[in-house]
Amino acid sequence: AETTLSFTFSATRAAVFTAKTELQILYPPSLLAGGPTAISAAVATGQKAVFQTLPFTLTAEGFDVYVETTKAVDFGTVKVAPNTPVAQPVQLLNRGKYDVSYAFRLSKKLSEVLKLEPSEGVLKPRESAKVEMLFATRKEVVLTSSPDCEIRFTEPKSGELIGSAPIPVSVKAFFNKYLLTPSHGLNFGPCLFGTKKTATFEVANQGSFDLRFRMFAFKDGVASLPPWEDEAPADRHR
């Protein structure tokens, strides 16, 4: 018959642990000469005596996760643009001795504006990886060191959770904002035939980004305009 012995190991620190122990096989010596039948009978009745001692060594290693990650991600101030994601890198480096699996977890609210590519993977010892964090939104958003992005590390074979770390995310996303004065068009009033009259209007940039504008004949439509030229930023505001 075969018997499986189980040992439990719990490491208190990252190190290699070695322990010497003995396995004792117990039978009553008075029945050893009786052969297998007598030994089985002795075991069944609870009679025990040392028959054989087998020394052996237990070796186990306790290890920790040594993965360097980007401490925080800051997108700065960006435009609201649902179809044009803004990317920021998240760097990972496994400085440990063994493979480590990683996976990002986002809250439901954060998952509506953030995406990670790839969102999970395995890092071999001394291997680095670059993960792209993509931000896109349909509405204005302000996040200040949001803790709702987390990276988790697990043992690849068992799936056991080894550790986790938050990656705070900051971003300010706004629409372009402007003010047109007067807001209801220009009214020249009565004009004497053969004379000229001047009226003015103002375009004010009230947003966080450069605002480009130009005049066109409404009856011709925007499609008739030539491509934008690289005029100086000072020409774009008013």
C-alpha atoms as a PDB file:
ATOM      1  CA  ALA A   1       0.000   0.000   0.000  1.00  0.00           C
ATOM      2  CA  GLU A   2       1.064   3.618  -0.538  1.00  0.00           C
ATOM      3  CA  THR A   3       0.685   6.541   1.845  1.00  0.00           C
ATOM      4  CA  THR A   4       1.080  10.226   0.997  1.00  0.00           C
ATOM      5  CA  LEU A   5       2.587  12.498   3.618  1.00  0.00           C
ATOM      6  CA  SER A   6       1.786  16.225   3.454  1.00  0.00           C
ATOM      7  CA  PHE A   7       3.936  19.025   4.835  1.00  0.00           C
ATOM      8  CA  THR A   8       2.825  22.652   5.230  1.00  0.00           C
ATOM      9  CA  PHE A   9       5.300  25.467   4.647  1.00  0.00           C
ATOM     10  CA  SER A  10       4.775  29.136   5.453  1.00  0.00           C
ATOM     11  CA  ALA A  11       7.636  31.563   4.898  1.00  0.00           C
ATOM     12  CA  THR A  12       8.275  34.467   7.275  1.00  0.00           C
ATOM     13  CA  ARG A  13      10.776  36.126   4.938  1.00  0.00           C
ATOM     14  CA  ALA A  14      12.339  35.751   1.502  1.00  0.00           C
ATOM     15  CA  ALA A  15      14.967  33.015   2.023  1.00  0.00           C
ATOM     16  CA  VAL A  16      15.785  29.329   1.486  1.00  0.00           C
ATOM     17  CA  PHE A  17      14.820  27.170   4.456  1.00  0.00           C
ATOM     18  CA  THR A  18      16.307  23.718   5.200  1.00  0.00           C
ATOM     19  CA  ALA A  19      15.208  21.333   7.959  1.00  0.00           C
ATOM     20  CA  LYS A  20      16.348  17.810   8.809  1.00  0.00           C
ATOM     21  CA  THR A  21      13.833  15.367  10.241  1.00  0.00           C
ATOM     22  CA  GLU A  22      13.166  11.646  10.582  1.00  0.00           C
ATOM     23  CA  LEU A  23      10.384   9.348   9.506  1.00  0.00           C
ATOM     24  CA  GLN A  24       9.799   6.492  11.962  1.00  0.00           C
ATOM     25  CA  ILE A  25       8.032   3.301  10.930  1.00  0.00           C
ATOM     26  CA  LEU A  26       6.459   1.728  14.023  1.00  0.00           C
ATOM     27  CA  TYR A  27       5.810  -2.033  14.473  1.00  0.00           C
ATOM     28  CA  PRO A  28       5.954  -4.219  17.599  1.00  0.00           C
ATOM     29  CA  PRO A  29       9.346  -5.995  17.488  1.00  0.00           C
ATOM     30  CA  SER A  30       7.845  -9.183  18.987  1.00  0.00           C
ATOM     31  CA  LEU A  31       5.759  -9.683  15.841  1.00  0.00           C
ATOM     32  CA  LEU A  32       8.325  -8.872  13.196  1.00  0.00           C
ATOM     33  CA  ALA A  33       9.245 -12.543  12.879  1.00  0.00           C
ATOM     34  CA  GLY A  34       5.618 -13.398  12.211  1.00  0.00           C
ATOM     35  CA  GLY A  35       5.692 -11.951   8.675  1.00  0.00           C
ATOM     36  CA  PRO A  36       3.256  -9.577   6.991  1.00  0.00           C
ATOM     37  CA  THR A  37       0.167 -11.137   8.577  1.00  0.00           C
ATOM     38  CA  ALA A  38       1.416 -10.637  12.107  1.00  0.00           C
ATOM     39  CA  ILE A  39       2.535  -7.046  11.339  1.00  0.00           C
ATOM     40  CA  SER A  40      -0.891  -6.171   9.932  1.00  0.00           C
ATOM     41  CA  ALA A  41      -2.576  -7.598  13.007  1.00  0.00           C
ATOM     42  CA  ALA A  42      -0.294  -5.618  15.302  1.00  0.00           C
ATOM     43  CA  VAL A  43      -1.005  -2.365  13.518  1.00  0.00           C
ATOM     44  CA  ALA A  44      -4.761  -3.063  13.708  1.00  0.00           C
ATOM     45  CA  THR A  45      -4.602  -3.535  17.508  1.00  0.00           C
ATOM     46  CA  GLY A  46      -2.604  -0.354  18.112  1.00  0.00           C
ATOM     47  CA  GLN A  47       0.691  -2.035  19.211  1.00  0.00           C
ATOM     48  CA  LYS A  48       3.618   0.198  18.161  1.00  0.00           C
ATOM     49  CA  ALA A  49       7.384  -0.002  18.317  1.00  0.00           C
ATOM     50  CA  VAL A  50      10.184   1.453  16.217  1.00  0.00           C
ATOM     51  CA  PHE A  51      10.921  -0.757  13.252  1.00  0.00           C
ATOM     52  CA  GLN A  52      12.846   1.598  10.994  1.00  0.00           C
ATOM     53  CA  THR A  53      13.980   5.261  10.987  1.00  0.00           C
ATOM     54  CA  LEU A  54      14.419   7.101   7.691  1.00  0.00           C
ATOM     55  CA  PRO A  55      16.248  10.464   7.883  1.00  0.00           C
ATOM     56  CA  PHE A  56      15.448  13.029   5.195  1.00  0.00           C
ATOM     57  CA  THR A  57      15.813  16.736   4.529  1.00  0.00           C
ATOM     58  CA  LEU A  58      13.048  19.263   3.794  1.00  0.00           C
ATOM     59  CA  THR A  59      13.972  22.247   1.629  1.00  0.00           C
ATOM     60  CA  ALA A  60      11.677  25.121   0.697  1.00  0.00           C
ATOM     61  CA  GLU A  61      12.073  28.665  -0.533  1.00  0.00           C
ATOM     62  CA  GLY A  62      10.122  31.712   0.466  1.00  0.00           C
ATOM     63  CA  PHE A  63      10.162  34.464  -2.161  1.00  0.00           C
ATOM     64  CA  ASP A  64       8.703  37.918  -2.537  1.00  0.00           C
ATOM     65  CA  VAL A  65       7.520  39.900  -5.570  1.00  0.00           C
ATOM     66  CA  TYR A  66      10.014  42.467  -6.831  1.00  0.00           C
ATOM     67  CA  VAL A  67       8.204  44.207  -9.660  1.00  0.00           C
ATOM     68  CA  GLU A  68       8.899  47.865 -10.319  1.00  0.00           C
ATOM     69  CA  THR A  69       5.916  49.784 -11.690  1.00  0.00           C
ATOM     70  CA  THR A  70       5.077  53.311 -12.715  1.00  0.00           C
ATOM     71  CA  LYS A  71       4.047  55.010  -9.473  1.00  0.00           C
ATOM     72  CA  ALA A  72       1.313  57.221 -10.952  1.00  0.00           C
ATOM     73  CA  VAL A  73      -0.125  58.308 -14.312  1.00  0.00           C
ATOM     74  CA  ASP A  74      -0.960  61.933 -15.098  1.00  0.00           C
ATOM     75  CA  PHE A  75      -2.552  62.753 -18.470  1.00  0.00           C
ATOM     76  CA  GLY A  76      -2.564  66.466 -17.709  1.00  0.00           C
ATOM     77  CA  THR A  77      -5.231  68.610 -19.402  1.00  0.00           C
ATOM     78  CA  VAL A  78      -6.722  67.054 -22.549  1.00  0.00           C
ATOM     79  CA  LYS A  79      -9.651  67.666 -24.887  1.00  0.00           C
ATOM     80  CA  VAL A  80     -12.884  65.727 -24.730  1.00  0.00           C
ATOM     81  CA  ALA A  81     -12.445  63.463 -27.753  1.00  0.00           C
ATOM     82  CA  PRO A  82     -14.205  60.071 -27.595  1.00  0.00           C
ATOM     83  CA  ASN A  83     -12.671  58.818 -30.855  1.00  0.00           C
ATOM     84  CA  THR A  84      -9.115  60.017 -30.232  1.00  0.00           C
ATOM     85  CA  PRO A  85      -7.640  58.323 -27.130  1.00  0.00           C
ATOM     86  CA  VAL A  86      -4.704  59.886 -25.300  1.00  0.00           C
ATOM     87  CA  ALA A  87      -1.987  57.391 -24.301  1.00  0.00           C
ATOM     88  CA  GLN A  88       0.372  57.245 -21.344  1.00  0.00           C
ATOM     89  CA  PRO A  89       2.844  54.382 -20.691  1.00  0.00           C
ATOM     90  CA  VAL A  90       2.934  52.173 -17.610  1.00  0.00           C
ATOM     91  CA  GLN A  91       6.333  50.522 -17.187  1.00  0.00           C
ATOM     92  CA  LEU A  92       6.780  47.131 -15.483  1.00  0.00           C
ATOM     93  CA  LEU A  93      10.064  45.407 -14.556  1.00  0.00           C
ATOM     94  CA  ASN A  94      10.331  42.039 -12.807  1.00  0.00           C
ATOM     95  CA  ARG A  95      13.433  42.090 -10.590  1.00  0.00           C
ATOM     96  CA  GLY A  96      12.547  38.813  -8.889  1.00  0.00           C
ATOM     97  CA  LYS A  97      13.814  35.285  -9.467  1.00  0.00           C
ATOM     98  CA  TYR A  98      10.601  33.751 -10.817  1.00  0.00           C
ATOM     99  CA  ASP A  99       7.808  34.376 -13.309  1.00  0.00           C
ATOM    100  CA  VAL A 100       5.047  36.705 -12.130  1.00  0.00           C
ATOM    101  CA  SER A 101       1.582  37.191 -13.624  1.00  0.00           C
ATOM    102  CA  TYR A 102       0.055  40.655 -13.594  1.00  0.00           C
ATOM    103  CA  ALA A 103      -3.445  41.940 -14.257  1.00  0.00           C
ATOM    104  CA  PHE A 104      -4.981  45.400 -14.048  1.00  0.00           C
ATOM    105  CA  ARG A 105      -8.286  46.007 -12.313  1.00  0.00           C
ATOM    106  CA  LEU A 106     -10.402  49.138 -12.854  1.00  0.00           C
ATOM    107  CA  SER A 107     -13.494  50.329 -11.058  1.00  0.00           C
ATOM    108  CA  LYS A 108     -16.682  50.458 -13.144  1.00  0.00           C
ATOM    109  CA  LYS A 109     -16.517  54.257 -13.310  1.00  0.00           C
ATOM    110  CA  LEU A 110     -12.884  54.315 -14.407  1.00  0.00           C
ATOM    111  CA  SER A 111     -13.366  51.556 -16.968  1.00  0.00           C
ATOM    112  CA  GLU A 112     -15.719  53.891 -18.879  1.00  0.00           C
ATOM    113  CA  VAL A 113     -12.824  56.231 -19.742  1.00  0.00           C
ATOM    114  CA  LEU A 114      -9.694  54.067 -19.396  1.00  0.00           C
ATOM    115  CA  LYS A 115      -8.387  51.048 -21.278  1.00  0.00           C
ATOM    116  CA  LEU A 116      -5.128  49.139 -20.836  1.00  0.00           C
ATOM    117  CA  GLU A 117      -3.297  47.292 -23.601  1.00  0.00           C
ATOM    118  CA  PRO A 118      -2.407  44.624 -22.650  1.00  0.00           C
ATOM    119  CA  SER A 119      -4.454  44.416 -19.465  1.00  0.00           C
ATOM    120  CA  GLU A 120      -2.666  41.260 -18.232  1.00  0.00           C
ATOM    121  CA  GLY A 121       0.406  39.137 -18.918  1.00  0.00           C
ATOM    122  CA  VAL A 122       3.384  37.255 -17.479  1.00  0.00           C
ATOM    123  CA  LEU A 123       6.784  38.726 -16.665  1.00  0.00           C
ATOM    124  CA  LYS A 124       9.826  36.481 -16.676  1.00  0.00           C
ATOM    125  CA  PRO A 125      12.774  37.251 -14.384  1.00  0.00           C
ATOM    126  CA  ARG A 126      14.484  40.522 -15.415  1.00  0.00           C
ATOM    127  CA  GLU A 127      11.862  41.064 -18.105  1.00  0.00           C
ATOM    128  CA  SER A 128      10.243  44.456 -18.642  1.00  0.00           C
ATOM    129  CA  ALA A 129       6.924  45.348 -20.271  1.00  0.00           C
ATOM    130  CA  LYS A 130       5.285  48.537 -21.487  1.00  0.00           C
ATOM    131  CA  VAL A 131       1.530  48.811 -21.028  1.00  0.00           C
ATOM    132  CA  GLU A 132      -0.412  51.566 -22.788  1.00  0.00           C
ATOM    133  CA  MET A 133      -3.036  53.314 -20.676  1.00  0.00           C
ATOM    134  CA  LEU A 134      -5.579  54.905 -23.025  1.00  0.00           C
ATOM    135  CA  PHE A 135      -7.966  57.680 -21.972  1.00  0.00           C
ATOM    136  CA  ALA A 136     -11.017  58.796 -23.964  1.00  0.00           C
ATOM    137  CA  THR A 137     -14.260  60.399 -22.834  1.00  0.00           C
ATOM    138  CA  ARG A 138     -17.492  61.875 -24.193  1.00  0.00           C
ATOM    139  CA  LYS A 139     -17.907  64.332 -21.337  1.00  0.00           C
ATOM    140  CA  GLU A 140     -15.772  66.511 -19.116  1.00  0.00           C
ATOM    141  CA  VAL A 141     -13.879  64.564 -16.465  1.00  0.00           C
ATOM    142  CA  VAL A 142     -11.604  65.579 -13.598  1.00  0.00           C
ATOM    143  CA  LEU A 143      -9.652  62.895 -11.744  1.00  0.00           C
ATOM    144  CA  THR A 144      -7.107  63.706  -9.053  1.00  0.00           C
ATOM    145  CA  SER A 145      -4.914  60.744  -8.032  1.00  0.00           C
ATOM    146  CA  SER A 146      -7.826  58.353  -8.421  1.00  0.00           C
ATOM    147  CA  PRO A 147      -7.013  55.074  -6.585  1.00  0.00           C
ATOM    148  CA  ASP A 148      -9.433  53.038  -8.711  1.00  0.00           C
ATOM    149  CA  CYS A 149      -6.709  51.547 -10.929  1.00  0.00           C
ATOM    150  CA  GLU A 150      -4.934  48.573  -9.345  1.00  0.00           C
ATOM    151  CA  ILE A 151      -2.359  46.089 -10.571  1.00  0.00           C
ATOM    152  CA  ARG A 152      -2.384  42.583  -9.044  1.00  0.00           C
ATOM    153  CA  PHE A 153       0.440  40.051  -9.053  1.00  0.00           C
ATOM    154  CA  THR A 154      -0.203  36.310  -8.909  1.00  0.00           C
ATOM    155  CA  GLU A 155       1.778  33.084  -9.080  1.00  0.00           C
ATOM    156  CA  PRO A 156       1.390  31.873 -12.708  1.00  0.00           C
ATOM    157  CA  LYS A 157       0.804  28.179 -11.976  1.00  0.00           C
ATOM    158  CA  SER A 158      -1.427  28.301  -8.905  1.00  0.00           C
ATOM    159  CA  GLY A 159      -3.062  31.675  -9.480  1.00  0.00           C
ATOM    160  CA  GLU A 160      -2.366  32.578  -5.849  1.00  0.00           C
ATOM    161  CA  LEU A 161      -2.467  36.310  -5.161  1.00  0.00           C
ATOM    162  CA  ILE A 162       1.022  37.499  -4.211  1.00  0.00           C
ATOM    163  CA  GLY A 163       0.522  41.232  -3.966  1.00  0.00           C
ATOM    164  CA  SER A 164      -1.139  44.317  -5.383  1.00  0.00           C
ATOM    165  CA  ALA A 165      -0.461  48.018  -5.784  1.00  0.00           C
ATOM    166  CA  PRO A 166      -2.608  51.037  -6.724  1.00  0.00           C
ATOM    167  CA  ILE A 167      -1.626  53.219  -9.682  1.00  0.00           C
ATOM    168  CA  PRO A 168      -3.178  56.656  -9.076  1.00  0.00           C
ATOM    169  CA  VAL A 169      -4.574  58.302 -12.214  1.00  0.00           C
ATOM    170  CA  SER A 170      -4.984  62.046 -12.781  1.00  0.00           C
ATOM    171  CA  VAL A 171      -6.581  63.798 -15.767  1.00  0.00           C
ATOM    172  CA  LYS A 172      -8.569  66.906 -16.657  1.00  0.00           C
ATOM    173  CA  ALA A 173     -10.692  66.662 -19.800  1.00  0.00           C
ATOM    174  CA  PHE A 174     -12.557  69.716 -21.093  1.00  0.00           C
ATOM    175  CA  PHE A 175     -14.419  70.865 -24.191  1.00  0.00           C
ATOM    176  CA  ASN A 176     -13.277  73.838 -26.240  1.00  0.00           C
ATOM    177  CA  LYS A 177     -15.122  76.916 -24.961  1.00  0.00           C
ATOM    178  CA  TYR A 178     -15.616  80.265 -26.646  1.00  0.00           C
ATOM    179  CA  LEU A 179     -17.823  83.346 -26.486  1.00  0.00           C
ATOM    180  CA  LEU A 180     -19.124  85.180 -29.570  1.00  0.00           C
ATOM    181  CA  THR A 181     -20.242  88.797 -29.058  1.00  0.00           C
ATOM    182  CA  PRO A 182     -22.799  89.865 -30.157  1.00  0.00           C
ATOM    183  CA  SER A 183     -24.384  86.445 -29.996  1.00  0.00           C
ATOM    184  CA  HIS A 184     -27.223  87.165 -32.466  1.00  0.00           C
ATOM    185  CA  GLY A 185     -25.259  88.490 -35.448  1.00  0.00           C
ATOM    186  CA  LEU A 186     -24.423  91.996 -36.665  1.00  0.00           C
ATOM    187  CA  ASN A 187     -26.983  94.733 -37.283  1.00  0.00           C
ATOM    188  CA  PHE A 188     -25.710  97.666 -39.378  1.00  0.00           C
ATOM    189  CA  GLY A 189     -28.936  99.628 -39.056  1.00  0.00           C
ATOM    190  CA  PRO A 190     -29.893 102.204 -41.691  1.00  0.00           C
ATOM    191  CA  CYS A 191     -27.117 102.825 -44.249  1.00  0.00           C
ATOM    192  CA  LEU A 192     -26.969 105.762 -46.664  1.00  0.00           C
ATOM    193  CA  PHE A 193     -26.504 104.680 -50.253  1.00  0.00           C
ATOM    194  CA  GLY A 194     -22.879 104.927 -51.394  1.00  0.00           C
ATOM    195  CA  THR A 195     -21.452 105.039 -47.873  1.00  0.00           C
ATOM    196  CA  LYS A 196     -19.663 102.445 -45.786  1.00  0.00           C
ATOM    197  CA  LYS A 197     -20.486 101.410 -42.283  1.00  0.00           C
ATOM    198  CA  THR A 198     -18.365  99.270 -39.993  1.00  0.00           C
ATOM    199  CA  ALA A 199     -19.519  96.807 -37.340  1.00  0.00           C
ATOM    200  CA  THR A 200     -17.397  94.629 -35.131  1.00  0.00           C
ATOM    201  CA  PHE A 201     -17.747  91.344 -33.322  1.00  0.00           C
ATOM    202  CA  GLU A 202     -15.504  89.527 -30.870  1.00  0.00           C
ATOM    203  CA  VAL A 203     -14.524  85.875 -30.487  1.00  0.00           C
ATOM    204  CA  ALA A 204     -13.122  85.132 -27.018  1.00  0.00           C
ATOM    205  CA  ASN A 205     -11.411  81.880 -26.112  1.00  0.00           C
ATOM    206  CA  GLN A 206     -12.677  80.802 -22.688  1.00  0.00           C
ATOM    207  CA  GLY A 207     -11.255  77.273 -22.738  1.00  0.00           C
ATOM    208  CA  SER A 208      -7.954  75.621 -21.881  1.00  0.00           C
ATOM    209  CA  PHE A 209      -6.787  75.076 -25.467  1.00  0.00           C
ATOM    210  CA  ASP A 210      -5.875  77.091 -28.548  1.00  0.00           C
ATOM    211  CA  LEU A 211      -8.978  78.039 -30.522  1.00  0.00           C
ATOM    212  CA  ARG A 212      -8.714  78.364 -34.313  1.00  0.00           C
ATOM    213  CA  PHE A 213     -11.363  80.137 -36.363  1.00  0.00           C
ATOM    214  CA  ARG A 214     -11.857  81.685 -39.787  1.00  0.00           C
ATOM    215  CA  MET A 215     -14.616  83.335 -41.774  1.00  0.00           C
ATOM    216  CA  PHE A 216     -16.454  81.744 -44.678  1.00  0.00           C
ATOM    217  CA  ALA A 217     -19.531  82.359 -46.774  1.00  0.00           C
ATOM    218  CA  PHE A 218     -22.353  80.382 -45.211  1.00  0.00           C
ATOM    219  CA  LYS A 219     -23.950  79.697 -48.586  1.00  0.00           C
ATOM    220  CA  ASP A 220     -20.713  77.943 -49.750  1.00  0.00           C
ATOM    221  CA  GLY A 221     -20.468  75.720 -46.655  1.00  0.00           C
ATOM    222  CA  VAL A 222     -17.490  74.536 -44.636  1.00  0.00           C
ATOM    223  CA  ALA A 223     -16.575  71.892 -47.255  1.00  0.00           C
ATOM    224  CA  SER A 224     -15.391  74.631 -49.602  1.00  0.00           C
ATOM    225  CA  LEU A 225     -12.660  75.780 -47.202  1.00  0.00           C
ATOM    226  CA  PRO A 226      -9.024  74.887 -47.917  1.00  0.00           C
ATOM    227  CA  PRO A 227      -7.011  72.890 -45.335  1.00  0.00           C
ATOM    228  CA  TRP A 228      -5.745  74.623 -42.232  1.00  0.00           C
ATOM    229  CA  GLU A 229      -2.432  76.390 -42.507  1.00  0.00           C
ATOM    230  CA  ASP A 230       0.088  76.577 -39.670  1.00  0.00           C
ATOM    231  CA  GLU A 231      -0.541  80.142 -38.654  1.00  0.00           C
ATOM    232  CA  ALA A 232       1.017  81.522 -35.510  1.00  0.00           C
ATOM    233  CA  PRO A 233      -0.833  80.764 -32.245  1.00  0.00           C
ATOM    234  CA  ALA A 234      -1.327  84.496 -31.638  1.00  0.00           C
ATOM    235  CA  ASP A 235      -3.608  84.631 -34.713  1.00  0.00           C
ATOM    236  CA  ARG A 236      -5.972  82.033 -33.350  1.00  0.00           C
ATOM    237  CA  HIS A 237      -7.554  83.620 -30.322  1.00  0.00           C
ATOM    238  CA  ARG A 238      -9.513  86.719 -31.323  1.00  0.00           C
END
